[in-house]
Amino acid sequence: MGTAVAGFVAFCVLPLAYMLVQPATTAGAYAALLLDARQRVLLVNTAVLGTGTAMLATAIGAPLGLMLARGALPFTPAWRIALAAPVLLPPYITALAWLYLGGSAGLVAALTSRDLLSGWTYSLPGAVLVLSLVFYPLSMLTTEVALRRIDRRLEEAALIVASPGRVLRRITLPLVAPSVAAAALVIFVLAISEFGVPGLLRVRVFTTEVFTAFAALYDSGLATMLTLPLLALAIVIAVGSALLIGDRLLATRRGIQRVPLAFTGWTRLTYGWASCVLAVALVTPLAVLTREALALSSMAGILQGSGAAIRKSLIMSVVGASAVTLLAVWLGYGRARARRRTGIVVDAVFLVLFAVPSTVIGVGLIGIWNRTGMFGGIYGTDAMLLFAYLARFLPMAALALAAGIRYVPISHEEAAAVAGAGWWRTSTRIVLPQIGLALLATWTIVFILAFGELGASILVAPAGETTLPIRIYTLIANAPTAHVAALALLQSAVVFTPLALLAVMATRGTR
């Protein structure tokens, strides 16, 4: 446990602390930032991006969650997996597909001989749409879980004297509203933290400006200053989310297995809405990328040219997912066994750290580790990529595993202690076997996210080396579209393959 806490502080807390403390060493820095009209424009754009994405993603996802929980939809598990898939696809891949569809040289322009959509595609509303199509599953899944946790007796009693529609408006929706609102706040944080989508769509927000200041202008002081408004927004929203959700963050398996009350007559509506969302969010982007990739004469040449990046991504993602999961087990255990008030504080800390934008993490890690002496052998190595994955995904993984560990009755551990079993034996023989699927799921999700990580990796990757996301992002401007689309499809295949295997295992485990 001590090692996990030390790793958490070193990789998650210190980069954030550095970014908050470093500007204090520059005289007048805060005042200059507040008086800078350029920064105020960035703040407005960032806030609009986050607010628009949160509202649109909720408008798309919350009805889907309601339909999955109450619509009596056949093959619900399959629909749930398919509708949740876009959130695991790297956002810049989705943005790239929409560029190939609506850009000045995209499919629509080629078919109509007119540039109809590029002005809208390269815009703030375009970024809002793309991010909404990526993040709506968060609202969908949160809404569904919240609905399945409702005691069906409340709705059954209300149906005696009221219509299903009135019960939905007066009983069901008010009960799930806090969870839906909390999910919207999380989506807001993720949207303002995104780097790849605004960068591709040429939308000026804080994340893109931080990258430009650090990587293009080589001005670490400016980059550090630009993080402050972004961090302030992220911290305020993350704390609000933790307080709003409370113990709902640890939705237990037992809590979501209650048989829900179904509102009949929604099947056609559910099929229609789910099919439309799936077509727009997943089928269309993959179809567009496939069309572009078909122009390739040889896939072998592409794989050979990007082989080093692919191998680097695979190796570092496996190592990163393993390290994150190992530390997250013990952090999650501590959270699951914490008292309620302490747990809420821990949740807030985890959410704040998860909300730190990836570019901010990259700058913070460089500021900490780019030093002479004992740290000189770490900076400029693959260890920086590993540190970035730990900083980015450890808080989220700890929260996920805390939910699984909470399902393990503490009486089992108490009985083992009475029998004379030590802490290590109790953990390995009692706790870990009961959260095997949660461990596998967490490792898989972290692997997928690490394989698609861009914002921090592009800053901390060793000179002369690259990962697949960095390779794709740098090739967009100067490589044939077929080349880039093929690599994007390859990344999508790597993302969806372990997800499909995990879904199969989970389905078998519930039989």
Protein backbone atom coordinates (compact mmCIF):
# COMPACT_ATOMS: atom_id res chain seq x y z
CA MET A 1 0.00 0.00 0.00
CA GLY A 2 2.82 2.41 0.87
CA THR A 3 4.47 1.83 -2.52
CA ALA A 4 1.19 2.50 -4.32
CA VAL A 5 0.66 5.74 -2.43
CA ALA A 6 4.24 6.84 -3.11
CA GLY A 7 3.82 6.10 -6.81
CA PHE A 8 0.51 7.95 -6.85
CA VAL A 9 2.11 11.04 -5.31
CA ALA A 10 5.18 10.91 -7.58
CA PHE A 11 3.40 10.38 -10.87
CA CYS A 12 0.00 12.04 -10.36
CA VAL A 13 0.27 14.67 -7.65
CA LEU A 14 3.74 16.15 -8.30
CA PRO A 15 3.13 17.16 -11.97
CA LEU A 16 -0.03 19.01 -10.92
CA ALA A 17 1.74 20.62 -7.95
CA TYR A 18 4.56 21.75 -10.23
CA MET A 19 2.16 23.42 -12.65
CA LEU A 20 0.39 25.21 -9.81
CA VAL A 21 3.53 26.35 -7.96
CA GLN A 22 5.87 27.18 -10.83
CA PRO A 23 4.10 30.42 -11.95
CA ALA A 24 4.53 31.87 -8.46
CA THR A 25 8.24 32.24 -9.21
CA THR A 26 7.54 34.65 -12.06
CA ALA A 27 6.80 38.18 -10.92
CA GLY A 28 3.55 39.58 -12.26
CA ALA A 29 2.72 36.42 -14.15
CA TYR A 30 -0.78 35.98 -12.76
CA ALA A 31 -1.71 39.61 -13.36
CA ALA A 32 -0.40 39.51 -16.91
CA LEU A 33 -2.48 36.44 -17.61
CA LEU A 34 -5.67 37.96 -16.30
CA LEU A 35 -5.20 41.15 -18.35
CA ASP A 36 -4.34 39.39 -21.59
CA ALA A 37 -7.23 39.61 -24.06
CA ARG A 38 -5.84 36.67 -26.04
CA GLN A 39 -6.11 34.43 -23.01
CA ARG A 40 -9.65 35.56 -22.37
CA VAL A 41 -10.57 34.45 -25.90
CA LEU A 42 -9.01 31.08 -25.20
CA LEU A 43 -10.97 30.85 -21.96
CA VAL A 44 -14.25 31.59 -23.76
CA ASN A 45 -13.52 29.05 -26.51
CA THR A 46 -12.54 26.40 -23.96
CA ALA A 47 -15.65 27.01 -21.86
CA VAL A 48 -17.91 26.88 -24.93
CA LEU A 49 -16.24 23.66 -26.09
CA GLY A 50 -16.76 22.02 -22.69
CA THR A 51 -20.32 23.30 -22.18
CA GLY A 52 -21.47 22.48 -25.70
CA THR A 53 -19.99 18.99 -25.57
CA ALA A 54 -21.49 18.26 -22.15
CA MET A 55 -24.96 19.39 -23.28
CA LEU A 56 -24.96 17.61 -26.63
CA ALA A 57 -23.38 14.40 -25.30
CA THR A 58 -25.98 14.31 -22.53
CA ALA A 59 -28.79 14.92 -25.01
CA ILE A 60 -27.54 11.95 -27.05
CA GLY A 61 -26.47 9.59 -24.26
CA ALA A 62 -29.05 10.06 -21.51
CA PRO A 63 -32.01 8.95 -23.70
CA LEU A 64 -29.98 5.92 -24.81
CA GLY A 65 -29.35 5.01 -21.17
CA LEU A 66 -33.06 5.39 -20.46
CA MET A 67 -33.92 3.15 -23.41
CA LEU A 68 -31.40 0.48 -22.46
CA ALA A 69 -32.71 0.36 -18.90
CA ARG A 70 -36.43 0.75 -19.54
CA GLY A 71 -37.08 0.00 -23.19
CA ALA A 72 -37.11 -3.80 -23.11
CA LEU A 73 -34.68 -3.85 -26.03
CA PRO A 74 -33.76 -7.32 -27.35
CA PHE A 75 -30.04 -8.11 -27.30
CA THR A 76 -29.43 -5.27 -24.88
CA PRO A 77 -25.84 -6.38 -23.97
CA ALA A 78 -24.80 -6.32 -27.62
CA TRP A 79 -26.37 -2.92 -28.16
CA ARG A 80 -24.69 -1.61 -25.00
CA ILE A 81 -21.24 -2.73 -26.15
CA ALA A 82 -21.71 -1.31 -29.65
CA LEU A 83 -23.01 2.03 -28.38
CA ALA A 84 -20.21 2.29 -25.81
CA ALA A 85 -17.45 1.56 -28.34
CA PRO A 86 -16.95 5.18 -29.59
CA VAL A 87 -15.66 6.34 -26.20
CA LEU A 88 -12.69 3.97 -26.50
CA LEU A 89 -11.80 5.09 -30.00
CA PRO A 90 -9.14 7.86 -29.75
CA PRO A 91 -10.96 11.18 -30.29
CA TYR A 92 -8.52 12.34 -32.96
CA ILE A 93 -9.38 9.23 -35.03
CA THR A 94 -13.03 10.26 -35.07
CA ALA A 95 -12.02 13.84 -35.91
CA LEU A 96 -9.81 12.57 -38.74
CA ALA A 97 -12.70 10.59 -40.22
CA TRP A 98 -14.96 13.64 -40.18
CA LEU A 99 -12.22 15.69 -41.85
CA TYR A 100 -12.08 13.12 -44.65
CA LEU A 101 -15.86 13.37 -44.90
CA GLY A 102 -16.50 17.13 -44.61
CA GLY A 103 -13.12 18.76 -45.28
CA SER A 104 -12.32 20.85 -48.34
CA ALA A 105 -10.96 17.72 -50.07
CA GLY A 106 -13.32 15.31 -48.36
CA LEU A 107 -15.95 12.90 -49.63
CA VAL A 108 -18.82 15.41 -49.64
CA ALA A 109 -16.80 17.92 -51.64
CA ALA A 110 -15.77 15.23 -54.12
CA LEU A 111 -19.32 14.02 -54.66
CA THR A 112 -20.91 17.48 -54.96
CA SER A 113 -17.97 19.35 -56.55
CA ARG A 114 -18.60 22.03 -53.94
CA ASP A 115 -16.95 22.78 -50.62
CA LEU A 116 -20.10 22.67 -48.51
CA LEU A 117 -18.91 21.57 -45.08
CA SER A 118 -15.29 22.55 -44.52
CA GLY A 119 -16.16 25.92 -42.99
CA TRP A 120 -18.32 24.17 -40.47
CA THR A 121 -15.94 21.22 -39.96
CA TYR A 122 -13.01 23.47 -39.05
CA SER A 123 -14.90 25.28 -36.35
CA LEU A 124 -15.83 25.24 -32.69
CA PRO A 125 -19.27 23.67 -33.40
CA GLY A 126 -17.51 20.97 -35.42
CA ALA A 127 -15.24 20.17 -32.46
CA VAL A 128 -18.29 20.09 -30.17
CA LEU A 129 -20.02 17.57 -32.43
CA VAL A 130 -16.99 15.29 -32.72
CA LEU A 131 -16.34 15.27 -28.98
CA SER A 132 -20.03 14.68 -28.27
CA LEU A 133 -19.97 11.61 -30.52
CA VAL A 134 -16.95 10.36 -28.57
CA PHE A 135 -18.15 11.06 -25.02
CA TYR A 136 -21.90 10.39 -25.15
CA PRO A 137 -21.39 6.76 -23.91
CA LEU A 138 -20.36 8.17 -20.52
CA SER A 139 -23.77 9.77 -20.13
CA MET A 140 -25.49 6.67 -21.52
CA LEU A 141 -23.81 4.23 -19.14
CA THR A 142 -24.20 6.51 -16.11
CA THR A 143 -27.90 6.97 -16.82
CA GLU A 144 -28.48 3.24 -17.29
CA VAL A 145 -26.67 2.32 -14.05
CA ALA A 146 -28.57 4.99 -12.11
CA LEU A 147 -31.89 3.74 -13.48
CA ARG A 148 -31.12 0.11 -12.62
CA ARG A 149 -30.30 1.13 -9.05
CA ILE A 150 -33.77 2.60 -8.51
CA ASP A 151 -36.04 0.53 -6.34
CA ARG A 152 -38.71 -0.62 -8.79
CA ARG A 153 -41.33 -0.52 -6.02
CA LEU A 154 -41.35 3.28 -6.21
CA GLU A 155 -42.33 3.20 -9.87
CA GLU A 156 -44.78 0.34 -9.41
CA ALA A 157 -46.62 2.23 -6.67
CA ALA A 158 -46.80 5.36 -8.82
CA LEU A 159 -48.14 3.43 -11.84
CA ILE A 160 -51.25 2.54 -9.85
CA VAL A 161 -52.43 6.16 -9.98
CA ALA A 162 -50.48 7.68 -12.89
CA SER A 163 -49.55 7.01 -16.51
CA PRO A 164 -46.07 5.69 -17.43
CA GLY A 165 -45.14 9.05 -18.92
CA ARG A 166 -46.08 10.90 -15.72
CA VAL A 167 -44.18 8.36 -13.61
CA LEU A 168 -41.15 8.87 -15.81
CA ARG A 169 -41.29 12.66 -15.45
CA ARG A 170 -42.18 12.87 -11.77
CA ILE A 171 -40.43 9.82 -10.23
CA THR A 172 -37.80 8.25 -12.46
CA LEU A 173 -36.02 11.23 -13.97
CA PRO A 174 -35.69 13.26 -10.74
CA LEU A 175 -34.08 10.24 -9.06
CA VAL A 176 -31.40 9.89 -11.75
CA ALA A 177 -30.89 13.61 -12.37
CA PRO A 178 -27.88 13.96 -9.99
CA SER A 179 -26.04 11.11 -11.73
CA VAL A 180 -26.81 12.52 -15.18
CA ALA A 181 -25.61 15.96 -14.10
CA ALA A 182 -22.43 14.50 -12.64
CA ALA A 183 -21.73 12.65 -15.89
CA ALA A 184 -22.22 15.93 -17.79
CA LEU A 185 -19.65 17.60 -15.55
CA VAL A 186 -17.16 14.79 -16.19
CA ILE A 187 -17.74 15.15 -19.95
CA PHE A 188 -17.14 18.89 -19.61
CA VAL A 189 -13.77 18.22 -17.98
CA LEU A 190 -12.77 15.66 -20.59
CA ALA A 191 -13.76 18.01 -23.42
CA ILE A 192 -11.70 20.95 -22.17
CA SER A 193 -8.81 18.55 -21.58
CA GLU A 194 -8.79 17.20 -25.14
CA PHE A 195 -5.88 18.15 -27.38
CA GLY A 196 -6.13 16.11 -30.58
CA VAL A 197 -9.61 17.15 -31.76
CA PRO A 198 -9.17 20.94 -31.40
CA GLY A 199 -5.70 20.62 -32.89
CA LEU A 200 -6.94 18.82 -36.01
CA LEU A 201 -9.97 21.09 -36.44
CA ARG A 202 -7.91 24.28 -35.90
CA VAL A 203 -9.84 25.42 -32.86
CA ARG A 204 -7.82 27.60 -30.50
CA VAL A 205 -8.28 26.45 -26.91
CA PHE A 206 -5.95 26.25 -23.94
CA THR A 207 -4.73 22.71 -24.64
CA THR A 208 -3.58 23.57 -28.17
CA GLU A 209 -1.98 26.82 -27.03
CA VAL A 210 -0.09 25.04 -24.25
CA PHE A 211 1.34 22.61 -26.81
CA THR A 212 2.24 25.42 -29.23
CA ALA A 213 3.93 27.47 -26.52
CA PHE A 214 6.01 24.54 -25.29
CA ALA A 215 6.75 22.51 -28.43
CA ALA A 216 6.81 25.22 -31.12
CA LEU A 217 7.84 28.40 -29.29
CA TYR A 218 10.01 26.65 -26.67
CA ASP A 219 8.56 28.95 -24.05
CA SER A 220 8.03 26.80 -20.96
CA GLY A 221 7.06 29.83 -18.87
CA LEU A 222 4.21 30.75 -21.22
CA ALA A 223 3.12 27.12 -21.43
CA THR A 224 2.99 26.93 -17.65
CA MET A 225 1.00 30.14 -17.39
CA LEU A 226 -1.53 28.98 -19.96
CA THR A 227 -2.33 25.94 -17.85
CA LEU A 228 -3.67 27.94 -14.91
CA PRO A 229 -7.16 28.83 -16.22
CA LEU A 230 -7.52 25.33 -17.62
CA LEU A 231 -6.54 23.76 -14.32
CA ALA A 232 -8.90 26.07 -12.44
CA LEU A 233 -11.85 25.00 -14.61
CA ALA A 234 -10.93 21.33 -14.36
CA ILE A 235 -10.48 21.38 -10.58
CA VAL A 236 -13.74 23.23 -9.88
CA ILE A 237 -15.79 20.95 -12.12
CA ALA A 238 -14.12 17.76 -10.87
CA VAL A 239 -14.75 18.66 -7.23
CA GLY A 240 -18.35 19.51 -8.08
CA SER A 241 -18.77 16.15 -9.78
CA ALA A 242 -17.39 14.26 -6.77
CA LEU A 243 -19.66 16.10 -4.37
CA LEU A 244 -22.68 15.65 -6.60
CA ILE A 245 -22.18 11.92 -7.14
CA GLY A 246 -20.99 11.01 -3.64
CA ASP A 247 -21.07 7.26 -3.14
CA ARG A 248 -22.60 6.78 -6.58
CA LEU A 249 -19.04 6.70 -7.93
CA LEU A 250 -18.74 3.23 -6.49
CA ALA A 251 -21.75 1.65 -8.10
CA THR A 252 -21.56 -1.91 -6.93
CA ARG A 253 -22.36 -4.92 -9.01
CA ARG A 254 -25.06 -5.87 -6.58
CA GLY A 255 -26.66 -2.46 -6.96
CA ILE A 256 -27.04 -2.62 -10.72
CA GLN A 257 -28.39 -6.16 -10.90
CA ARG A 258 -31.83 -5.27 -9.68
CA VAL A 259 -34.57 -6.16 -12.13
CA PRO A 260 -35.73 -2.83 -13.55
CA LEU A 261 -39.25 -1.78 -14.31
CA ALA A 262 -39.69 -1.68 -18.09
CA PHE A 263 -41.92 0.79 -19.92
CA THR A 264 -43.39 -1.12 -22.86
CA GLY A 265 -44.02 0.35 -26.29
CA TRP A 266 -40.57 1.86 -26.65
CA THR A 267 -38.97 -0.83 -28.77
CA ARG A 268 -39.30 0.92 -32.16
CA LEU A 269 -38.20 4.25 -30.74
CA THR A 270 -35.22 2.60 -29.05
CA TYR A 271 -34.18 0.77 -32.21
CA GLY A 272 -34.47 3.95 -34.26
CA TRP A 273 -32.53 6.24 -31.94
CA ALA A 274 -29.85 3.67 -31.14
CA SER A 275 -29.36 2.84 -34.82
CA CYS A 276 -29.03 6.50 -35.80
CA VAL A 277 -26.49 7.23 -33.07
CA LEU A 278 -24.48 4.11 -33.87
CA ALA A 279 -24.47 4.95 -37.57
CA VAL A 280 -23.23 8.50 -37.00
CA ALA A 281 -20.80 7.87 -34.13
CA LEU A 282 -19.16 4.61 -35.20
CA VAL A 283 -20.21 3.20 -38.58
CA THR A 284 -19.74 6.39 -40.60
CA PRO A 285 -16.24 7.24 -39.29
CA LEU A 286 -15.00 3.69 -39.82
CA ALA A 287 -16.58 3.53 -43.28
CA VAL A 288 -14.95 6.81 -44.31
CA LEU A 289 -11.54 5.66 -43.08
CA THR A 290 -11.98 2.34 -44.87
CA ARG A 291 -12.85 4.10 -48.12
CA GLU A 292 -9.72 6.24 -47.90
CA ALA A 293 -7.51 3.29 -46.98
CA LEU A 294 -8.72 1.26 -49.99
CA ALA A 295 -6.74 3.61 -52.22
CA LEU A 296 -3.54 2.03 -50.91
CA SER A 297 -1.59 -0.10 -53.34
CA SER A 298 0.19 -2.01 -50.58
CA MET A 299 -0.49 -2.26 -46.87
CA ALA A 300 2.84 -3.94 -46.28
CA GLY A 301 4.78 -0.78 -47.08
CA ILE A 302 2.74 1.23 -44.61
CA LEU A 303 3.27 -1.30 -41.87
CA GLN A 304 6.97 -1.42 -42.60
CA GLY A 305 7.35 2.35 -42.48
CA SER A 306 5.45 2.63 -39.21
CA GLY A 307 6.56 -0.66 -37.70
CA ALA A 308 8.75 0.95 -35.05
CA ALA A 309 5.92 3.22 -33.89
CA ILE A 310 3.47 0.31 -33.75
CA ARG A 311 5.88 -1.84 -31.73
CA LYS A 312 6.62 1.05 -29.38
CA SER A 313 2.93 1.66 -28.77
CA LEU A 314 2.19 -2.00 -28.14
CA ILE A 315 5.10 -2.51 -25.74
CA MET A 316 4.60 0.70 -23.79
CA SER A 317 0.82 0.19 -23.60
CA VAL A 318 1.25 -3.31 -22.17
CA VAL A 319 3.85 -2.11 -19.66
CA GLY A 320 1.79 0.97 -18.80
CA ALA A 321 -1.46 -0.94 -18.34
CA SER A 322 0.29 -3.48 -16.11
CA ALA A 323 1.93 -0.80 -13.94
CA VAL A 324 -1.28 1.22 -13.65
CA THR A 325 -3.37 -1.83 -12.73
CA LEU A 326 -0.84 -3.01 -10.14
CA LEU A 327 -0.81 0.32 -8.32
CA ALA A 328 -4.54 0.88 -8.80
CA VAL A 329 -5.41 -2.36 -6.98
CA TRP A 330 -3.98 -1.10 -3.71
CA LEU A 331 -5.20 2.45 -4.15
CA GLY A 332 -8.66 1.12 -4.99
CA TYR A 333 -8.58 -1.14 -1.95
CA GLY A 334 -7.83 1.80 0.30
CA ARG A 335 -10.67 3.78 -1.27
CA ALA A 336 -13.16 0.91 -1.02
CA ARG A 337 -12.45 0.40 2.69
CA ALA A 338 -12.35 4.11 3.58
CA ARG A 339 -15.05 5.79 5.62
CA ARG A 340 -17.74 7.71 3.77
CA ARG A 341 -16.40 11.24 4.32
CA THR A 342 -12.84 10.18 3.66
CA GLY A 343 -14.00 8.35 0.56
CA ILE A 344 -15.68 11.46 -0.85
CA VAL A 345 -12.45 13.42 -0.38
CA VAL A 346 -10.45 10.65 -2.07
CA ASP A 347 -12.94 10.57 -4.95
CA ALA A 348 -12.56 14.32 -5.38
CA VAL A 349 -8.76 13.99 -5.46
CA PHE A 350 -8.95 11.17 -8.02
CA LEU A 351 -11.35 13.12 -10.23
CA VAL A 352 -9.26 16.29 -10.04
CA LEU A 353 -6.14 14.40 -11.08
CA PHE A 354 -8.00 12.54 -13.84
CA ALA A 355 -9.27 15.93 -15.07
CA VAL A 356 -5.77 17.35 -15.54
CA PRO A 357 -5.33 17.79 -19.32
CA SER A 358 -2.81 15.56 -20.99
CA THR A 359 -0.73 18.47 -22.31
CA VAL A 360 -0.54 19.88 -18.79
CA ILE A 361 0.64 16.50 -17.53
CA GLY A 362 3.32 16.45 -20.22
CA VAL A 363 4.64 19.89 -19.32
CA GLY A 364 4.54 19.05 -15.60
CA LEU A 365 6.46 15.79 -16.09
CA ILE A 366 9.12 17.57 -18.14
CA GLY A 367 9.44 20.27 -15.50
CA ILE A 368 9.99 17.66 -12.77
CA TRP A 369 12.23 15.16 -14.54
CA ASN A 370 14.24 17.35 -16.93
CA ARG A 371 16.97 17.97 -14.40
CA THR A 372 20.60 17.11 -13.89
CA GLY A 373 21.87 14.62 -11.34
CA MET A 374 19.92 11.52 -10.46
CA PHE A 375 17.07 12.39 -12.79
CA GLY A 376 19.26 12.93 -15.80
CA GLY A 377 19.08 9.28 -16.78
CA ILE A 378 15.27 9.26 -16.76
CA TYR A 379 14.41 12.25 -18.93
CA GLY A 380 14.61 11.42 -22.62
CA THR A 381 13.87 7.71 -22.11
CA ASP A 382 10.80 5.52 -22.48
CA ALA A 383 10.28 5.90 -18.73
CA MET A 384 8.73 9.31 -19.47
CA LEU A 385 6.03 7.63 -21.55
CA LEU A 386 5.36 5.22 -18.69
CA PHE A 387 5.15 8.12 -16.24
CA ALA A 388 2.68 9.87 -18.55
CA TYR A 389 0.43 6.79 -18.65
CA LEU A 390 0.57 6.51 -14.85
CA ALA A 391 -0.26 10.17 -14.37
CA ARG A 392 -3.07 10.04 -16.93
CA PHE A 393 -4.84 6.80 -16.04
CA LEU A 394 -3.98 5.76 -12.47
CA PRO A 395 -6.75 7.83 -10.79
CA MET A 396 -9.40 6.46 -13.15
CA ALA A 397 -8.20 2.88 -12.71
CA ALA A 398 -8.18 3.24 -8.92
CA LEU A 399 -11.80 4.41 -8.95
CA ALA A 400 -12.83 1.53 -11.23
CA LEU A 401 -11.17 -1.12 -9.05
CA ALA A 402 -12.52 0.45 -5.88
CA ALA A 403 -16.01 -0.29 -7.19
CA GLY A 404 -15.09 -3.93 -7.72
CA ILE A 405 -13.35 -4.32 -4.35
CA ARG A 406 -16.31 -2.79 -2.57
CA TYR A 407 -18.35 -5.75 -3.77
CA VAL A 408 -16.08 -8.12 -1.81
CA PRO A 409 -17.67 -8.49 1.65
CA ILE A 410 -15.31 -7.30 4.35
CA SER A 411 -16.50 -10.24 6.46
CA HIS A 412 -14.43 -12.52 4.21
CA GLU A 413 -11.28 -10.63 5.13
CA GLU A 414 -12.22 -10.62 8.82
CA ALA A 415 -12.75 -14.39 8.76
CA ALA A 416 -9.34 -14.88 7.12
CA ALA A 417 -7.72 -12.70 9.77
CA VAL A 418 -9.35 -14.73 12.53
CA ALA A 419 -7.98 -17.89 10.89
CA GLY A 420 -4.48 -16.42 11.13
CA ALA A 421 -3.99 -15.33 7.52
CA GLY A 422 -1.73 -12.33 7.05
CA TRP A 423 -2.43 -9.27 4.92
CA TRP A 424 -0.63 -10.60 1.85
CA ARG A 425 -2.32 -14.01 1.95
CA THR A 426 -5.73 -12.44 2.53
CA SER A 427 -5.25 -10.11 -0.41
CA THR A 428 -4.02 -12.77 -2.83
CA ARG A 429 -6.35 -15.59 -1.71
CA ILE A 430 -9.53 -13.67 -0.82
CA VAL A 431 -9.72 -10.27 -2.49
CA LEU A 432 -7.96 -10.64 -5.84
CA PRO A 433 -9.74 -13.86 -6.95
CA GLN A 434 -13.10 -12.16 -6.46
CA ILE A 435 -12.22 -9.16 -8.61
CA GLY A 436 -10.55 -11.08 -11.43
CA LEU A 437 -12.92 -9.79 -14.12
CA ALA A 438 -12.64 -6.22 -12.80
CA LEU A 439 -8.83 -6.50 -12.94
CA LEU A 440 -8.96 -7.77 -16.50
CA ALA A 441 -11.43 -5.08 -17.54
CA THR A 442 -9.33 -2.33 -15.96
CA TRP A 443 -6.14 -3.59 -17.59
CA THR A 444 -7.87 -3.79 -20.97
CA ILE A 445 -9.36 -0.30 -20.76
CA VAL A 446 -6.06 1.24 -19.64
CA PHE A 447 -4.25 -0.58 -22.46
CA ILE A 448 -6.74 0.81 -24.98
CA LEU A 449 -6.48 4.35 -23.61
CA ALA A 450 -2.68 4.21 -23.41
CA PHE A 451 -2.48 2.92 -26.98
CA GLY A 452 -4.39 5.99 -28.11
CA GLU A 453 -2.80 8.58 -25.80
CA LEU A 454 -1.53 11.63 -27.66
CA GLY A 455 -1.48 14.88 -25.66
CA ALA A 456 1.16 13.93 -23.08
CA SER A 457 3.04 11.43 -25.26
CA ILE A 458 3.78 13.95 -28.00
CA LEU A 459 5.58 16.12 -25.41
CA VAL A 460 7.50 13.52 -23.39
CA ALA A 461 8.38 10.92 -26.04
CA PRO A 462 12.19 10.51 -26.44
CA ALA A 463 13.74 12.41 -29.31
CA GLY A 464 13.79 10.37 -32.51
CA GLU A 465 11.18 7.91 -31.27
CA THR A 466 7.44 7.90 -31.69
CA THR A 467 4.27 6.03 -30.85
CA LEU A 468 1.48 5.21 -33.28
CA PRO A 469 -0.74 8.15 -32.19
CA ILE A 470 2.18 10.56 -32.60
CA ARG A 471 3.00 8.98 -35.97
CA ILE A 472 -0.57 9.44 -37.20
CA TYR A 473 -0.82 13.01 -35.91
CA THR A 474 2.44 14.10 -37.54
CA LEU A 475 1.66 12.41 -40.85
CA ILE A 476 -1.72 14.09 -41.30
CA ALA A 477 -0.21 17.29 -42.71
CA ASN A 478 2.27 15.77 -45.17
CA ALA A 479 1.29 12.18 -45.98
CA PRO A 480 -1.33 10.79 -48.40
CA THR A 481 -4.75 10.39 -46.84
CA ALA A 482 -4.77 6.68 -47.66
CA HIS A 483 -1.59 6.22 -45.64
CA VAL A 484 -2.99 8.01 -42.60
CA ALA A 485 -6.40 6.32 -42.88
CA ALA A 486 -4.77 2.88 -42.98
CA LEU A 487 -2.85 3.59 -39.78
CA ALA A 488 -6.02 4.94 -38.17
CA LEU A 489 -7.88 1.74 -39.07
CA LEU A 490 -5.02 -0.31 -37.67
CA GLN A 491 -5.24 1.58 -34.41
CA SER A 492 -9.01 1.08 -34.35
CA ALA A 493 -8.53 -2.66 -34.84
CA VAL A 494 -6.07 -2.82 -31.95
CA VAL A 495 -8.56 -0.93 -29.79
CA PHE A 496 -11.62 -3.02 -30.60
CA THR A 497 -10.02 -6.47 -30.54
CA PRO A 498 -9.36 -6.66 -26.77
CA LEU A 499 -12.68 -4.92 -26.14
CA ALA A 500 -14.49 -7.64 -28.09
CA LEU A 501 -12.64 -10.40 -26.23
CA LEU A 502 -13.47 -8.78 -22.90
CA ALA A 503 -17.13 -8.50 -23.87
CA VAL A 504 -17.24 -12.21 -24.74
CA MET A 505 -15.66 -13.14 -21.42
CA ALA A 506 -18.02 -10.90 -19.51
CA THR A 507 -21.02 -12.43 -21.29
CA ARG A 508 -19.89 -15.95 -20.43
CA GLY A 509 -19.25 -14.90 -16.84
CA THR A 510 -22.82 -13.75 -16.39
CA ARG A 511 -24.45 -16.94 -17.64
